[in-house]
Amino acid sequence: MVLVVLAGCIDQGVFGEEEKKEWIDVATPIAENILQSMNEGDYVGFTKDFSEGMKEAMTLQKFVDLKGRLESTVGKYISSSPAKAIERGEYVAVYFSAKFRNEENIPVEISFKKDDKAHKVYGLWFPPEIPENNDEQESTLENLIRWLESDPLVRLIGIIATFIGIPAAIINITKLLTRKKEEK
């Protein structure tokens, strides 16, 4: 799982269509800059819209690692389109469906603090596992969004594990929790 998040936003709310559109309009150029900067290996450009906490968490080495993991699995970024904006307590999460060279419909989440007029990024999230074939990626984005919305514990564990630098643990914990959820 590739996850870079400081915003452990669990409470969700609903806001109007106009507000959703405003957040999508804010997030779209920021997401494009982040993903294009990753393609170009431009760490300064990649982090230019990050909050101070995100800049501290996303070191140059973590950026290089993230870029390498994404390029080795899904290839270089090509384009994205906004899919959804969700209010979560004091944060707003905007989801994008991204197209990479080797895969399409890869979900990307960018989180913002609602009261931050500078619109700094407080969370950047990529899927736990990159799909390997079209059957798996058919509804990846919607399933991922529903799963994150319905299971705050999974989100919190992912945030903690990534923050302390153990992405492999996230995949194992995620698989375990998913199995337990399916058994219910």
N, C-alpha and C. Protein backbone atom coordinates (compact mmCIF):
# COMPACT_ATOMS: atom_id res chain seq x y z
N MET A 1 0.84 -1.18 0.00
CA MET A 1 0.00 0.00 0.00
C MET A 1 0.88 1.23 0.00
N VAL A 2 0.53 2.16 -0.80
CA VAL A 2 1.26 3.41 -0.84
C VAL A 2 0.34 4.45 -0.23
N LEU A 3 0.74 4.98 0.91
CA LEU A 3 -0.14 5.90 1.62
C LEU A 3 0.70 6.95 2.31
N VAL A 4 0.36 8.18 2.10
CA VAL A 4 1.05 9.27 2.76
C VAL A 4 -0.04 10.14 3.34
N VAL A 5 -0.30 10.01 4.63
CA VAL A 5 -1.42 10.73 5.19
C VAL A 5 -1.13 11.21 6.58
N LEU A 6 -1.52 12.42 6.87
CA LEU A 6 -1.54 12.92 8.23
C LEU A 6 -2.96 13.16 8.66
N ALA A 7 -3.87 13.22 7.73
CA ALA A 7 -5.26 13.53 8.04
C ALA A 7 -6.03 12.26 8.30
N GLY A 8 -6.13 11.85 9.54
CA GLY A 8 -6.89 10.66 9.91
C GLY A 8 -8.34 11.02 10.11
N CYS A 9 -8.97 11.45 9.04
CA CYS A 9 -10.32 11.98 9.14
C CYS A 9 -11.32 10.83 9.08
N ILE A 10 -12.06 10.66 10.15
CA ILE A 10 -12.97 9.54 10.25
C ILE A 10 -14.42 9.97 10.10
N ASP A 11 -14.85 11.06 10.74
CA ASP A 11 -16.23 11.50 10.65
C ASP A 11 -16.53 11.98 9.23
N GLN A 12 -17.68 11.57 8.72
CA GLN A 12 -18.06 11.97 7.38
C GLN A 12 -19.33 12.80 7.44
N GLY A 13 -19.44 13.69 6.54
CA GLY A 13 -20.64 14.48 6.42
C GLY A 13 -21.02 14.59 4.96
N VAL A 14 -22.11 15.25 4.73
CA VAL A 14 -22.56 15.43 3.37
C VAL A 14 -22.64 16.93 3.12
N PHE A 15 -22.11 17.36 2.00
CA PHE A 15 -22.27 18.76 1.64
C PHE A 15 -22.87 18.84 0.26
N GLY A 16 -23.32 20.03 -0.10
CA GLY A 16 -24.05 20.22 -1.34
C GLY A 16 -23.21 20.04 -2.59
N GLU A 17 -23.92 19.92 -3.70
CA GLU A 17 -23.26 19.72 -5.00
C GLU A 17 -22.34 20.89 -5.35
N GLU A 18 -22.76 22.10 -5.01
CA GLU A 18 -21.94 23.27 -5.32
C GLU A 18 -20.61 23.22 -4.56
N GLU A 19 -20.68 22.84 -3.29
CA GLU A 19 -19.46 22.74 -2.48
C GLU A 19 -18.56 21.61 -2.99
N LYS A 20 -19.16 20.49 -3.38
CA LYS A 20 -18.38 19.38 -3.96
C LYS A 20 -17.63 19.86 -5.20
N LYS A 21 -18.36 20.57 -6.06
CA LYS A 21 -17.75 21.07 -7.30
C LYS A 21 -16.60 22.03 -6.99
N GLU A 22 -16.80 22.89 -6.00
CA GLU A 22 -15.74 23.83 -5.62
C GLU A 22 -14.48 23.08 -5.17
N TRP A 23 -14.66 22.03 -4.36
CA TRP A 23 -13.50 21.27 -3.89
C TRP A 23 -12.83 20.51 -5.03
N ILE A 24 -13.63 19.99 -5.93
CA ILE A 24 -13.05 19.30 -7.10
C ILE A 24 -12.26 20.31 -7.94
N ASP A 25 -12.80 21.51 -8.11
CA ASP A 25 -12.10 22.55 -8.87
C ASP A 25 -10.79 22.95 -8.20
N VAL A 26 -10.77 22.98 -6.87
CA VAL A 26 -9.54 23.29 -6.12
C VAL A 26 -8.54 22.15 -6.27
N ALA A 27 -9.01 20.93 -6.11
CA ALA A 27 -8.12 19.77 -6.04
C ALA A 27 -7.55 19.34 -7.38
N THR A 28 -8.27 19.55 -8.46
CA THR A 28 -7.84 19.02 -9.76
C THR A 28 -6.47 19.54 -10.21
N PRO A 29 -6.21 20.84 -10.22
CA PRO A 29 -4.87 21.27 -10.63
C PRO A 29 -3.78 20.85 -9.63
N ILE A 30 -4.13 20.75 -8.37
CA ILE A 30 -3.16 20.31 -7.36
C ILE A 30 -2.80 18.85 -7.60
N ALA A 31 -3.81 18.01 -7.84
CA ALA A 31 -3.55 16.59 -8.13
C ALA A 31 -2.71 16.45 -9.39
N GLU A 32 -3.05 17.21 -10.42
CA GLU A 32 -2.29 17.14 -11.67
C GLU A 32 -0.83 17.52 -11.44
N ASN A 33 -0.60 18.56 -10.66
CA ASN A 33 0.77 18.97 -10.36
C ASN A 33 1.52 17.88 -9.59
N ILE A 34 0.87 17.30 -8.59
CA ILE A 34 1.51 16.25 -7.79
C ILE A 34 1.91 15.07 -8.68
N LEU A 35 0.97 14.61 -9.51
CA LEU A 35 1.23 13.43 -10.33
C LEU A 35 2.23 13.72 -11.45
N GLN A 36 2.15 14.89 -12.08
CA GLN A 36 3.12 15.26 -13.12
C GLN A 36 4.51 15.46 -12.52
N SER A 37 4.57 16.07 -11.34
CA SER A 37 5.87 16.28 -10.68
C SER A 37 6.51 14.94 -10.34
N MET A 38 5.68 13.95 -9.97
CA MET A 38 6.23 12.63 -9.70
C MET A 38 6.83 12.05 -10.97
N ASN A 39 6.12 12.17 -12.09
CA ASN A 39 6.65 11.70 -13.37
C ASN A 39 8.02 12.30 -13.66
N GLU A 40 8.15 13.58 -13.39
CA GLU A 40 9.37 14.32 -13.73
C GLU A 40 10.46 14.18 -12.67
N GLY A 41 10.14 13.50 -11.56
CA GLY A 41 11.12 13.38 -10.48
C GLY A 41 11.37 14.71 -9.79
N ASP A 42 10.38 15.59 -9.82
CA ASP A 42 10.50 16.94 -9.26
C ASP A 42 9.94 16.97 -7.84
N TYR A 43 10.79 16.73 -6.86
CA TYR A 43 10.38 16.68 -5.46
C TYR A 43 9.82 18.02 -4.99
N VAL A 44 10.46 19.11 -5.37
CA VAL A 44 10.00 20.45 -4.95
C VAL A 44 8.60 20.72 -5.51
N GLY A 45 8.39 20.42 -6.78
CA GLY A 45 7.06 20.59 -7.37
C GLY A 45 6.04 19.67 -6.75
N PHE A 46 6.43 18.43 -6.48
CA PHE A 46 5.56 17.42 -5.87
C PHE A 46 5.03 17.89 -4.52
N THR A 47 5.89 18.50 -3.71
CA THR A 47 5.51 18.88 -2.34
C THR A 47 5.07 20.34 -2.20
N LYS A 48 5.03 21.09 -3.29
CA LYS A 48 4.77 22.54 -3.17
C LYS A 48 3.41 22.86 -2.56
N ASP A 49 2.42 22.00 -2.71
CA ASP A 49 1.09 22.25 -2.15
C ASP A 49 0.85 21.48 -0.85
N PHE A 50 1.88 20.85 -0.31
CA PHE A 50 1.73 20.07 0.92
C PHE A 50 1.70 20.97 2.15
N SER A 51 0.97 20.54 3.18
CA SER A 51 1.03 21.20 4.48
C SER A 51 2.42 20.96 5.06
N GLU A 52 2.78 21.71 6.08
CA GLU A 52 4.10 21.52 6.71
C GLU A 52 4.27 20.09 7.21
N GLY A 53 3.23 19.55 7.83
CA GLY A 53 3.29 18.17 8.32
C GLY A 53 3.51 17.16 7.21
N MET A 54 2.85 17.37 6.07
CA MET A 54 3.04 16.48 4.92
C MET A 54 4.46 16.60 4.37
N LYS A 55 4.98 17.82 4.34
CA LYS A 55 6.35 18.01 3.85
C LYS A 55 7.35 17.29 4.75
N GLU A 56 7.11 17.34 6.06
CA GLU A 56 8.00 16.64 6.99
C GLU A 56 7.89 15.13 6.81
N ALA A 57 6.68 14.63 6.58
CA ALA A 57 6.48 13.19 6.42
C ALA A 57 7.00 12.68 5.08
N MET A 58 6.87 13.47 4.02
CA MET A 58 7.29 13.04 2.69
C MET A 58 8.69 13.55 2.42
N THR A 59 9.66 12.81 2.91
CA THR A 59 11.06 13.17 2.68
C THR A 59 11.43 12.90 1.22
N LEU A 60 12.56 13.39 0.81
CA LEU A 60 13.04 13.13 -0.55
C LEU A 60 13.16 11.63 -0.79
N GLN A 61 13.69 10.90 0.19
CA GLN A 61 13.84 9.45 0.03
C GLN A 61 12.49 8.76 -0.12
N LYS A 62 11.50 9.17 0.67
CA LYS A 62 10.16 8.58 0.55
C LYS A 62 9.55 8.90 -0.80
N PHE A 63 9.80 10.10 -1.31
CA PHE A 63 9.34 10.48 -2.64
C PHE A 63 9.96 9.57 -3.69
N VAL A 64 11.26 9.36 -3.62
CA VAL A 64 11.96 8.50 -4.57
C VAL A 64 11.41 7.07 -4.49
N ASP A 65 11.18 6.58 -3.27
CA ASP A 65 10.61 5.24 -3.09
C ASP A 65 9.20 5.14 -3.67
N LEU A 66 8.37 6.13 -3.39
CA LEU A 66 7.00 6.15 -3.91
C LEU A 66 7.00 6.17 -5.43
N LYS A 67 7.80 7.02 -6.02
CA LYS A 67 7.91 7.12 -7.47
C LYS A 67 8.33 5.78 -8.06
N GLY A 68 9.33 5.16 -7.44
CA GLY A 68 9.81 3.86 -7.92
C GLY A 68 8.75 2.78 -7.83
N ARG A 69 8.03 2.73 -6.71
CA ARG A 69 6.99 1.71 -6.55
C ARG A 69 5.87 1.89 -7.56
N LEU A 70 5.44 3.13 -7.76
CA LEU A 70 4.36 3.36 -8.72
C LEU A 70 4.81 3.04 -10.14
N GLU A 71 5.99 3.52 -10.52
CA GLU A 71 6.46 3.28 -11.89
C GLU A 71 6.71 1.80 -12.15
N SER A 72 7.15 1.06 -11.13
CA SER A 72 7.41 -0.37 -11.34
C SER A 72 6.12 -1.19 -11.40
N THR A 73 5.03 -0.66 -10.87
CA THR A 73 3.77 -1.42 -10.90
C THR A 73 2.80 -0.92 -11.96
N VAL A 74 2.56 0.38 -12.00
CA VAL A 74 1.55 0.90 -12.93
C VAL A 74 2.13 1.76 -14.04
N GLY A 75 3.41 2.06 -13.95
CA GLY A 75 4.05 2.87 -14.99
C GLY A 75 3.91 4.35 -14.70
N LYS A 76 4.23 5.15 -15.70
CA LYS A 76 4.17 6.61 -15.55
C LYS A 76 2.73 7.10 -15.62
N TYR A 77 2.48 8.18 -14.92
CA TYR A 77 1.17 8.82 -14.89
C TYR A 77 0.87 9.44 -16.25
N ILE A 78 -0.40 9.30 -16.68
CA ILE A 78 -0.83 9.89 -17.95
C ILE A 78 -1.88 10.98 -17.72
N SER A 79 -2.96 10.64 -17.02
CA SER A 79 -4.03 11.61 -16.81
C SER A 79 -4.90 11.18 -15.63
N SER A 80 -5.80 12.08 -15.22
CA SER A 80 -6.74 11.72 -14.16
C SER A 80 -8.02 12.52 -14.33
N SER A 81 -9.07 12.02 -13.71
CA SER A 81 -10.33 12.76 -13.69
C SER A 81 -10.92 12.65 -12.29
N PRO A 82 -11.52 13.74 -11.81
CA PRO A 82 -12.10 13.71 -10.46
C PRO A 82 -13.31 12.79 -10.43
N ALA A 83 -13.45 12.06 -9.33
CA ALA A 83 -14.55 11.12 -9.20
C ALA A 83 -15.55 11.53 -8.13
N LYS A 84 -15.04 12.09 -7.02
CA LYS A 84 -15.92 12.30 -5.88
C LYS A 84 -15.24 13.20 -4.86
N ALA A 85 -16.03 13.96 -4.11
CA ALA A 85 -15.53 14.74 -2.98
C ALA A 85 -16.39 14.40 -1.77
N ILE A 86 -15.74 14.14 -0.65
CA ILE A 86 -16.44 13.72 0.57
C ILE A 86 -15.96 14.57 1.74
N GLU A 87 -16.90 15.03 2.54
CA GLU A 87 -16.58 15.78 3.75
C GLU A 87 -16.35 14.78 4.88
N ARG A 88 -15.25 14.96 5.61
CA ARG A 88 -14.93 14.09 6.74
C ARG A 88 -14.50 14.98 7.90
N GLY A 89 -15.46 15.32 8.74
CA GLY A 89 -15.13 16.18 9.87
C GLY A 89 -14.56 17.49 9.38
N GLU A 90 -13.35 17.81 9.82
CA GLU A 90 -12.72 19.07 9.42
C GLU A 90 -11.94 18.95 8.11
N TYR A 91 -12.03 17.81 7.44
CA TYR A 91 -11.30 17.57 6.20
C TYR A 91 -12.25 17.30 5.04
N VAL A 92 -11.72 17.44 3.84
CA VAL A 92 -12.41 17.07 2.62
C VAL A 92 -11.47 16.16 1.84
N ALA A 93 -11.99 15.01 1.43
CA ALA A 93 -11.21 14.08 0.61
C ALA A 93 -11.75 14.15 -0.82
N VAL A 94 -10.86 14.35 -1.77
CA VAL A 94 -11.24 14.38 -3.18
C VAL A 94 -10.58 13.17 -3.84
N TYR A 95 -11.41 12.36 -4.50
CA TYR A 95 -10.94 11.14 -5.15
C TYR A 95 -10.80 11.38 -6.64
N PHE A 96 -9.75 10.79 -7.20
CA PHE A 96 -9.50 10.86 -8.63
C PHE A 96 -9.33 9.45 -9.17
N SER A 97 -9.70 9.26 -10.42
CA SER A 97 -9.43 8.03 -11.14
C SER A 97 -8.28 8.35 -12.09
N ALA A 98 -7.12 7.74 -11.82
CA ALA A 98 -5.92 8.08 -12.58
C ALA A 98 -5.57 7.00 -13.60
N LYS A 99 -5.09 7.45 -14.72
CA LYS A 99 -4.62 6.54 -15.77
C LYS A 99 -3.10 6.59 -15.78
N PHE A 100 -2.50 5.41 -15.69
CA PHE A 100 -1.06 5.27 -15.78
C PHE A 100 -0.74 4.46 -17.03
N ARG A 101 0.52 4.39 -17.38
CA ARG A 101 0.91 3.72 -18.63
C ARG A 101 0.43 2.27 -18.68
N ASN A 102 0.55 1.54 -17.56
CA ASN A 102 0.21 0.12 -17.55
C ASN A 102 -1.16 -0.19 -16.98
N GLU A 103 -1.80 0.77 -16.34
CA GLU A 103 -3.10 0.52 -15.70
C GLU A 103 -3.97 1.76 -15.78
N GLU A 104 -5.28 1.53 -15.80
CA GLU A 104 -6.24 2.63 -15.77
C GLU A 104 -7.07 2.52 -14.50
N ASN A 105 -7.82 3.56 -14.19
CA ASN A 105 -8.74 3.58 -13.06
C ASN A 105 -8.08 3.33 -11.71
N ILE A 106 -6.90 3.88 -11.53
CA ILE A 106 -6.21 3.76 -10.25
C ILE A 106 -6.71 4.89 -9.35
N PRO A 107 -7.29 4.56 -8.19
CA PRO A 107 -7.81 5.61 -7.31
C PRO A 107 -6.70 6.37 -6.60
N VAL A 108 -6.86 7.67 -6.53
CA VAL A 108 -5.94 8.54 -5.81
C VAL A 108 -6.81 9.46 -4.94
N GLU A 109 -6.45 9.59 -3.67
CA GLU A 109 -7.19 10.47 -2.78
C GLU A 109 -6.28 11.59 -2.30
N ILE A 110 -6.80 12.79 -2.33
CA ILE A 110 -6.09 13.95 -1.78
C ILE A 110 -7.00 14.59 -0.75
N SER A 111 -6.46 14.82 0.46
CA SER A 111 -7.26 15.38 1.55
C SER A 111 -6.81 16.80 1.87
N PHE A 112 -7.78 17.63 2.15
CA PHE A 112 -7.57 19.04 2.49
C PHE A 112 -8.26 19.34 3.81
N LYS A 113 -7.76 20.33 4.52
CA LYS A 113 -8.44 20.83 5.71
C LYS A 113 -9.43 21.89 5.23
N LYS A 114 -10.70 21.75 5.64
CA LYS A 114 -11.73 22.66 5.14
C LYS A 114 -11.44 24.13 5.43
N ASP A 115 -10.88 24.42 6.59
CA ASP A 115 -10.69 25.82 6.95
C ASP A 115 -9.34 26.39 6.49
N ASP A 116 -8.56 25.63 5.74
CA ASP A 116 -7.27 26.10 5.23
C ASP A 116 -7.49 26.79 3.88
N LYS A 117 -7.52 28.10 3.90
CA LYS A 117 -7.78 28.88 2.68
C LYS A 117 -6.65 28.76 1.66
N ALA A 118 -5.47 28.31 2.10
CA ALA A 118 -4.35 28.11 1.17
C ALA A 118 -4.48 26.79 0.43
N HIS A 119 -5.44 25.94 0.84
CA HIS A 119 -5.70 24.65 0.22
C HIS A 119 -4.46 23.76 0.17
N LYS A 120 -3.79 23.64 1.29
CA LYS A 120 -2.63 22.75 1.38
C LYS A 120 -3.11 21.30 1.47
N VAL A 121 -2.30 20.39 0.98
CA VAL A 121 -2.62 18.97 0.99
C VAL A 121 -2.24 18.39 2.35
N TYR A 122 -3.20 17.74 3.00
CA TYR A 122 -2.98 17.12 4.30
C TYR A 122 -2.93 15.60 4.19
N GLY A 123 -3.28 15.06 3.05
CA GLY A 123 -3.22 13.62 2.85
C GLY A 123 -3.15 13.27 1.38
N LEU A 124 -2.35 12.28 1.06
CA LEU A 124 -2.21 11.77 -0.31
C LEU A 124 -2.23 10.26 -0.20
N TRP A 125 -3.12 9.62 -0.94
CA TRP A 125 -3.31 8.19 -0.76
C TRP A 125 -3.44 7.49 -2.10
N PHE A 126 -2.76 6.36 -2.23
CA PHE A 126 -2.87 5.49 -3.39
C PHE A 126 -3.41 4.15 -2.90
N PRO A 127 -3.91 3.28 -3.79
CA PRO A 127 -4.57 2.04 -3.35
C PRO A 127 -3.61 1.07 -2.65
N PRO A 128 -4.21 0.18 -1.82
CA PRO A 128 -3.40 -0.79 -1.09
C PRO A 128 -2.66 -1.74 -2.02
N GLU A 129 -3.30 -2.15 -3.07
CA GLU A 129 -2.67 -3.05 -4.04
C GLU A 129 -3.06 -2.57 -5.43
N ILE A 130 -2.09 -2.50 -6.29
CA ILE A 130 -2.37 -2.08 -7.66
C ILE A 130 -2.91 -3.30 -8.41
N PRO A 131 -4.07 -3.20 -9.06
CA PRO A 131 -4.64 -4.34 -9.78
C PRO A 131 -3.70 -4.84 -10.87
N GLU A 132 -3.70 -6.15 -11.07
CA GLU A 132 -2.82 -6.74 -12.07
C GLU A 132 -3.54 -7.04 -13.37
N ASN A 133 -4.87 -7.07 -13.35
CA ASN A 133 -5.59 -7.32 -14.59
C ASN A 133 -6.92 -6.59 -14.58
N ASN A 134 -7.58 -6.57 -15.72
CA ASN A 134 -8.82 -5.81 -15.86
C ASN A 134 -9.94 -6.31 -14.98
N ASP A 135 -10.01 -7.62 -14.70
CA ASP A 135 -11.06 -8.14 -13.82
C ASP A 135 -10.98 -7.49 -12.45
N GLU A 136 -9.77 -7.35 -11.93
CA GLU A 136 -9.59 -6.78 -10.61
C GLU A 136 -9.85 -5.29 -10.60
N GLN A 137 -9.60 -4.61 -11.70
CA GLN A 137 -9.71 -3.16 -11.67
C GLN A 137 -11.09 -2.66 -12.09
N GLU A 138 -11.99 -3.57 -12.44
CA GLU A 138 -13.30 -3.19 -12.93
C GLU A 138 -13.99 -2.14 -12.05
N SER A 139 -14.05 -2.39 -10.76
CA SER A 139 -14.72 -1.44 -9.88
C SER A 139 -13.82 -1.03 -8.72
N THR A 140 -12.54 -0.98 -8.96
CA THR A 140 -11.58 -0.66 -7.91
C THR A 140 -11.89 0.65 -7.21
N LEU A 141 -12.12 1.69 -7.95
CA LEU A 141 -12.32 3.01 -7.35
C LEU A 141 -13.55 3.03 -6.44
N GLU A 142 -14.69 2.59 -6.94
CA GLU A 142 -15.91 2.63 -6.12
C GLU A 142 -15.81 1.72 -4.91
N ASN A 143 -15.26 0.52 -5.08
CA ASN A 143 -15.10 -0.38 -3.94
C ASN A 143 -14.17 0.21 -2.90
N LEU A 144 -13.08 0.80 -3.34
CA LEU A 144 -12.13 1.40 -2.41
C LEU A 144 -12.78 2.55 -1.65
N ILE A 145 -13.50 3.40 -2.34
CA ILE A 145 -14.16 4.52 -1.68
C ILE A 145 -15.17 4.01 -0.66
N ARG A 146 -16.01 3.05 -1.03
CA ARG A 146 -17.00 2.50 -0.09
C ARG A 146 -16.32 1.88 1.12
N TRP A 147 -15.24 1.15 0.87
CA TRP A 147 -14.53 0.47 1.95
C TRP A 147 -13.95 1.49 2.93
N LEU A 148 -13.29 2.52 2.41
CA LEU A 148 -12.71 3.54 3.29
C LEU A 148 -13.79 4.30 4.04
N GLU A 149 -14.91 4.56 3.38
CA GLU A 149 -15.99 5.29 4.04
C GLU A 149 -16.61 4.47 5.16
N SER A 150 -16.67 3.16 4.99
CA SER A 150 -17.39 2.33 5.95
C SER A 150 -16.51 1.76 7.06
N ASP A 151 -15.21 1.81 6.92
CA ASP A 151 -14.37 1.17 7.92
C ASP A 151 -13.25 2.11 8.39
N PRO A 152 -13.55 2.99 9.34
CA PRO A 152 -12.55 3.93 9.82
C PRO A 152 -11.34 3.24 10.46
N LEU A 153 -11.54 2.06 11.04
CA LEU A 153 -10.43 1.34 11.67
C LEU A 153 -9.38 0.98 10.63
N VAL A 154 -9.81 0.49 9.48
CA VAL A 154 -8.87 0.13 8.42
C VAL A 154 -8.09 1.37 8.00
N ARG A 155 -8.76 2.48 7.84
CA ARG A 155 -8.11 3.72 7.44
C ARG A 155 -7.09 4.17 8.49
N LEU A 156 -7.48 4.12 9.75
CA LEU A 156 -6.61 4.55 10.83
C LEU A 156 -5.36 3.66 10.92
N ILE A 157 -5.53 2.35 10.80
CA ILE A 157 -4.38 1.44 10.84
C ILE A 157 -3.44 1.73 9.68
N GLY A 158 -3.99 1.97 8.50
CA GLY A 158 -3.17 2.31 7.34
C GLY A 158 -2.39 3.59 7.55
N ILE A 159 -3.03 4.57 8.13
CA ILE A 159 -2.38 5.86 8.39
C ILE A 159 -1.22 5.67 9.35
N ILE A 160 -1.47 4.98 10.44
CA ILE A 160 -0.43 4.77 11.46
C ILE A 160 0.73 3.97 10.89
N ALA A 161 0.43 2.87 10.22
CA ALA A 161 1.49 2.01 9.69
C ALA A 161 2.34 2.74 8.66
N THR A 162 1.72 3.50 7.80
CA THR A 162 2.48 4.23 6.80
C THR A 162 3.30 5.33 7.43
N PHE A 163 2.70 6.04 8.36
CA PHE A 163 3.40 7.15 9.00
C PHE A 163 4.69 6.68 9.66
N ILE A 164 4.69 5.46 10.23
CA ILE A 164 5.91 4.97 10.86
C ILE A 164 6.77 4.16 9.89
N GLY A 165 6.35 4.11 8.64
CA GLY A 165 7.21 3.56 7.59
C GLY A 165 7.15 2.06 7.38
N ILE A 166 5.99 1.45 7.57
CA ILE A 166 5.91 0.01 7.33
C ILE A 166 4.76 -0.32 6.37
N PRO A 167 4.93 0.04 5.09
CA PRO A 167 3.86 -0.19 4.13
C PRO A 167 3.49 -1.66 3.95
N ALA A 168 4.42 -2.58 4.10
CA ALA A 168 4.10 -4.01 3.97
C ALA A 168 3.10 -4.43 5.03
N ALA A 169 3.22 -3.87 6.21
CA ALA A 169 2.28 -4.19 7.29
C ALA A 169 0.87 -3.76 6.93
N ILE A 170 0.75 -2.69 6.20
CA ILE A 170 -0.56 -2.20 5.81
C ILE A 170 -1.26 -3.22 4.94
N ILE A 171 -0.54 -3.77 3.98
CA ILE A 171 -1.15 -4.75 3.09
C ILE A 171 -1.62 -5.95 3.89
N ASN A 172 -0.79 -6.45 4.80
CA ASN A 172 -1.17 -7.62 5.60
C ASN A 172 -2.35 -7.32 6.51
N ILE A 173 -2.33 -6.18 7.18
CA ILE A 173 -3.44 -5.81 8.06
C ILE A 173 -4.71 -5.61 7.24
N THR A 174 -4.58 -4.96 6.11
CA THR A 174 -5.73 -4.72 5.25
C THR A 174 -6.35 -6.04 4.80
N LYS A 175 -5.52 -6.99 4.37
CA LYS A 175 -6.03 -8.29 3.95
C LYS A 175 -6.72 -9.01 5.10
N LEU A 176 -6.13 -8.96 6.28
CA LEU A 176 -6.71 -9.61 7.45
C LEU A 176 -8.07 -8.99 7.79
N LEU A 177 -8.14 -7.68 7.84
CA LEU A 177 -9.40 -7.01 8.16
C LEU A 177 -10.45 -7.25 7.09
N THR A 178 -10.03 -7.30 5.84
CA THR A 178 -10.97 -7.56 4.76
C THR A 178 -11.54 -8.97 4.90
N ARG A 179 -10.69 -9.94 5.20
CA ARG A 179 -11.18 -11.32 5.40
C ARG A 179 -12.16 -11.37 6.56
N LYS A 180 -11.83 -10.72 7.67
CA LYS A 180 -12.73 -10.73 8.83
C LYS A 180 -14.06 -10.07 8.48
N LYS A 181 -14.02 -9.02 7.72
CA LYS A 181 -15.23 -8.32 7.32
C LYS A 181 -16.09 -9.22 6.42
N GLU A 182 -15.45 -9.96 5.53
CA GLU A 182 -16.17 -10.86 4.62
C GLU A 182 -16.79 -12.03 5.37
N GLU A 183 -16.16 -12.46 6.47
CA GLU A 183 -16.68 -13.57 7.26
C GLU A 183 -17.95 -13.21 8.01
N LYS A 184 -18.13 -11.92 8.28
CA LYS A 184 -19.31 -11.48 9.05
C LYS A 184 -20.57 -11.58 8.27
